[in-house]
C-alpha atoms as a PDB file:
ATOM      1  CA  MET A   1      92.240 231.795 104.833  1.00  0.00           C
ATOM      2  CA  GLN A   2      94.915 230.726 102.406  1.00  0.00           C
ATOM      3  CA  ARG A   3      97.568 230.954 105.247  1.00  0.00           C
ATOM      4  CA  GLU A   4      95.517 228.218 107.023  1.00  0.00           C
ATOM      5  CA  ILE A   5      95.535 226.039 104.210  1.00  0.00           C
ATOM      6  CA  PHE A   6      99.331 226.315 103.740  1.00  0.00           C
ATOM      7  CA  GLN A   7      99.888 225.913 107.609  1.00  0.00           C
ATOM      8  CA  ARG A   8      97.573 222.744 107.437  1.00  0.00           C
ATOM      9  CA  LEU A   9      99.597 221.323 104.361  1.00  0.00           C
ATOM     10  CA  GLU A  10     102.824 221.889 106.252  1.00  0.00           C
ATOM     11  CA  ARG A  11     101.515 220.211 109.366  1.00  0.00           C
ATOM     12  CA  ILE A  12     100.116 217.169 107.410  1.00  0.00           C
ATOM     13  CA  ASP A  13     103.574 216.831 105.617  1.00  0.00           C
ATOM     14  CA  GLN A  14     105.481 217.008 109.114  1.00  0.00           C
ATOM     15  CA  LEU A  15     103.123 214.302 110.388  1.00  0.00           C
ATOM     16  CA  ILE A  16     103.475 212.021 107.439  1.00  0.00           C
ATOM     17  CA  ARG A  17     107.358 212.295 107.529  1.00  0.00           C
ATOM     18  CA  ILE A  18     107.372 211.174 111.204  1.00  0.00           C
ATOM     19  CA  LYS A  19     104.586 208.544 110.423  1.00  0.00           C
ATOM     20  CA  ALA A  20     102.354 210.142 113.181  1.00  0.00           C
ATOM     21  CA  THR A  21      99.197 210.814 111.390  1.00  0.00           C
ATOM     22  CA  GLY A  22      97.084 208.343 112.865  1.00  0.00           C
ATOM     23  CA  THR A  23      93.958 207.132 111.181  1.00  0.00           C
ATOM     24  CA  PRO A  24      92.118 209.652 108.933  1.00  0.00           C
ATOM     25  CA  THR A  25      89.733 210.359 111.978  1.00  0.00           C
ATOM     26  CA  GLU A  26      92.677 210.951 114.255  1.00  0.00           C
ATOM     27  CA  LEU A  27      94.309 213.312 111.638  1.00  0.00           C
ATOM     28  CA  ALA A  28      91.335 215.283 111.508  1.00  0.00           C
ATOM     29  CA  ASN A  29      91.331 215.714 115.135  1.00  0.00           C
ATOM     30  CA  LYS A  30      94.794 216.839 115.329  1.00  0.00           C
ATOM     31  CA  LEU A  31      94.066 219.408 112.689  1.00  0.00           C
ATOM     32  CA  GLY A  32      90.749 220.509 113.788  1.00  0.00           C
ATOM     33  CA  ILE A  33      89.135 219.853 110.612  1.00  0.00           C
ATOM     34  CA  SER A  34      86.572 217.240 109.190  1.00  0.00           C
ATOM     35  CA  GLU A  35      87.496 213.751 108.020  1.00  0.00           C
ATOM     36  CA  ARG A  36      86.321 214.756 104.604  1.00  0.00           C
ATOM     37  CA  SER A  37      88.664 217.818 104.534  1.00  0.00           C
ATOM     38  CA  VAL A  38      91.592 215.416 105.352  1.00  0.00           C
ATOM     39  CA  TYR A  39      90.962 213.470 102.270  1.00  0.00           C
ATOM     40  CA  GLU A  40      90.742 216.622 100.255  1.00  0.00           C
ATOM     41  CA  TYR A  41      94.104 217.683 101.637  1.00  0.00           C
ATOM     42  CA  LEU A  42      95.657 214.411 100.895  1.00  0.00           C
ATOM     43  CA  ASN A  43      94.225 214.276  97.501  1.00  0.00           C
ATOM     44  CA  LEU A  44      95.518 217.713  96.661  1.00  0.00           C
ATOM     45  CA  MET A  45      98.926 216.577  97.940  1.00  0.00           C
ATOM     46  CA  LYS A  46      98.971 213.358  95.782  1.00  0.00           C
ATOM     47  CA  GLU A  47      98.037 215.876  92.654  1.00  0.00           C
ATOM     48  CA  PHE A  48     100.996 217.488  93.378  1.00  0.00           C
ATOM     49  CA  GLY A  49     103.086 214.357  93.210  1.00  0.00           C
ATOM     50  CA  ALA A  50     103.223 213.366  96.941  1.00  0.00           C
ATOM     51  CA  PRO A  51     103.594 209.626  97.114  1.00  0.00           C
ATOM     52  CA  ILE A  52     101.315 209.219 100.150  1.00  0.00           C
ATOM     53  CA  LYS A  53     100.433 205.664 101.283  1.00  0.00           C
ATOM     54  CA  PHE A  54      98.602 204.285 104.322  1.00  0.00           C
ATOM     55  CA  ASN A  55     100.188 201.700 106.557  1.00  0.00           C
ATOM     56  CA  SER A  56      97.256 199.862 108.155  1.00  0.00           C
ATOM     57  CA  TYR A  57      99.570 198.225 110.652  1.00  0.00           C
ATOM     58  CA  ARG A  58     101.098 201.247 111.928  1.00  0.00           C
ATOM     59  CA  GLN A  59      97.721 203.237 111.564  1.00  0.00           C
ATOM     60  CA  SER A  60      99.599 206.090 109.721  1.00  0.00           C
ATOM     61  CA  TYR A  61     100.062 207.620 106.356  1.00  0.00           C
ATOM     62  CA  TYR A  62     103.785 207.881 105.093  1.00  0.00           C
ATOM     63  CA  TYR A  63     105.523 208.791 101.878  1.00  0.00           C
ATOM     64  CA  ASP A  64     106.419 205.960  99.636  1.00  0.00           C
ATOM     65  CA  GLN A  65     109.709 207.628  98.935  1.00  0.00           C
ATOM     66  CA  GLU A  66     112.064 209.860 100.910  1.00  0.00           C
ATOM     67  CA  GLY A  67     111.203 213.674 100.580  1.00  0.00           C
ATOM     68  CA  SER A  68     108.950 216.474 101.908  1.00  0.00           C
ATOM     69  CA  PHE A  69     106.057 218.526 100.583  1.00  0.00           C
ATOM     70  CA  ASN A  70     107.203 222.065 100.037  1.00  0.00           C
ATOM     71  CA  ILE A  71     105.079 225.201  99.274  1.00  0.00           C
ATOM     72  CA  SER A  72     107.262 228.273  99.174  1.00  0.00           C
ATOM     73  CA  PHE A  73     108.814 230.948  96.866  1.00  0.00           C
ATOM     74  CA  GLN A  74     112.398 230.307  96.120  1.00  0.00           C
ATOM     75  CA  ARG A  75     114.487 233.243  94.665  1.00  0.00           C
ATOM     76  CA  LYS A  76     116.825 232.815  91.665  1.00  0.00           C
ATOM     77  CA  ASN A  77     120.392 233.647  92.486  1.00  0.00           C
END
């Protein structure tokens, strides 16, 4: 279950970075989840500092600043 959550967050991040999410309904269809779940994922990402905005002209989410959303373990050297 948790693996699916991380995979969805990674997929959303990828789609946001290439500005190819589409509308919330289209993003939900791409991910195979409900539109409500899309909003929950986006809100979670925003809570962790992701500067997510929606471009109504392009009909896609995007990051207001350059970057990516990463969830991983990093070893100290």
